[in-house]
Amino acid sequence: MKQFDNRFEDIEELFDQADQDGDDFISLTEFRGLMVTLGRHTSEAIVASGFQEIDVNHDGRITFPEFRAWWLRR
């Protein structure tokens, strides 16, 4: 697995990998896949909680700015 750091390009690449359908958003299903890619096999409840935390405007999808802010905080 590739190591991702805090460079804008790396964060953007990770977001694009997670955005399986190419709609420029990460859905809950796509976020679940991202957690597996990152090696974090967690419960559905933890995944859902993490998704809600990142989805700052609570529209049911993660935008790139929301994702970038989360990535830089972690």
Protein backbone atom coordinates (compact mmCIF):
# COMPACT_ATOMS: atom_id res chain seq x y z
CA MET A 1 0.00 0.00 0.00
CA LYS A 2 1.25 3.46 -0.89
CA GLN A 3 2.10 5.81 1.95
CA PHE A 4 0.16 9.05 1.81
CA ASP A 5 1.38 12.18 3.51
CA ASN A 6 0.08 15.73 3.86
CA ARG A 7 1.04 16.94 0.40
CA PHE A 8 -1.94 18.30 -1.50
CA GLU A 9 -1.30 15.89 -4.38
CA ASP A 10 -1.28 12.86 -2.08
CA ILE A 11 -4.49 13.91 -0.35
CA GLU A 12 -6.15 14.52 -3.71
CA GLU A 13 -4.99 11.12 -5.02
CA LEU A 14 -6.39 9.36 -1.96
CA PHE A 15 -9.70 11.21 -2.32
CA ASP A 16 -9.90 10.28 -6.01
CA GLN A 17 -9.18 6.63 -5.21
CA ALA A 18 -11.97 6.62 -2.64
CA ASP A 19 -14.41 8.33 -5.04
CA GLN A 20 -15.19 5.14 -6.96
CA ASP A 21 -18.02 6.57 -9.06
CA GLY A 22 -16.16 9.79 -9.96
CA ASP A 23 -18.88 12.16 -8.75
CA ASP A 24 -16.39 14.28 -6.73
CA PHE A 25 -17.89 13.15 -3.43
CA ILE A 26 -17.20 10.26 -1.08
CA SER A 27 -20.31 8.36 -0.05
CA LEU A 28 -20.59 6.27 3.09
CA THR A 29 -20.01 3.12 1.04
CA GLU A 30 -16.91 4.64 -0.56
CA PHE A 31 -15.68 5.81 2.86
CA ARG A 32 -16.05 2.26 4.17
CA GLY A 33 -13.81 1.11 1.29
CA LEU A 34 -11.30 3.85 2.09
CA MET A 35 -11.02 2.63 5.67
CA VAL A 36 -10.19 -0.85 4.39
CA THR A 37 -7.62 0.61 1.97
CA LEU A 38 -6.01 2.45 4.89
CA GLY A 39 -5.88 -0.78 6.87
CA ARG A 40 -8.57 0.22 9.33
CA HIS A 41 -10.99 -2.66 9.61
CA THR A 42 -13.49 -1.22 12.05
CA SER A 43 -17.12 -1.76 12.90
CA GLU A 44 -19.93 -0.25 10.85
CA ALA A 45 -20.81 2.01 13.79
CA ILE A 46 -17.29 3.45 13.94
CA VAL A 47 -17.19 3.95 10.17
CA ALA A 48 -20.57 5.71 10.24
CA SER A 49 -19.49 7.90 13.16
CA GLY A 50 -16.26 8.86 11.40
CA PHE A 51 -18.17 9.65 8.21
CA GLN A 52 -20.56 11.93 10.10
CA GLU A 53 -17.64 13.71 11.75
CA ILE A 54 -15.98 14.42 8.40
CA ASP A 55 -19.25 15.41 6.67
CA VAL A 56 -19.28 18.82 8.31
CA ASN A 57 -22.32 20.15 6.43
CA HIS A 58 -24.22 16.86 7.00
CA ASP A 59 -25.35 16.45 3.39
CA GLY A 60 -24.57 12.73 3.35
CA ARG A 61 -21.38 12.97 1.32
CA ILE A 62 -17.80 14.08 1.88
CA THR A 63 -16.40 16.84 -0.32
CA PHE A 64 -12.71 17.24 -1.04
CA PRO A 65 -12.36 20.28 1.31
CA GLU A 66 -14.01 18.27 4.12
CA PHE A 67 -11.75 15.31 3.39
CA ARG A 68 -8.59 17.45 3.25
CA ALA A 69 -9.42 19.15 6.57
CA TRP A 70 -9.98 15.73 8.20
CA TRP A 71 -6.79 14.28 6.74
CA LEU A 72 -4.69 17.20 8.00
CA ARG A 73 -6.24 16.94 11.51
CA ARG A 74 -5.56 13.24 11.91
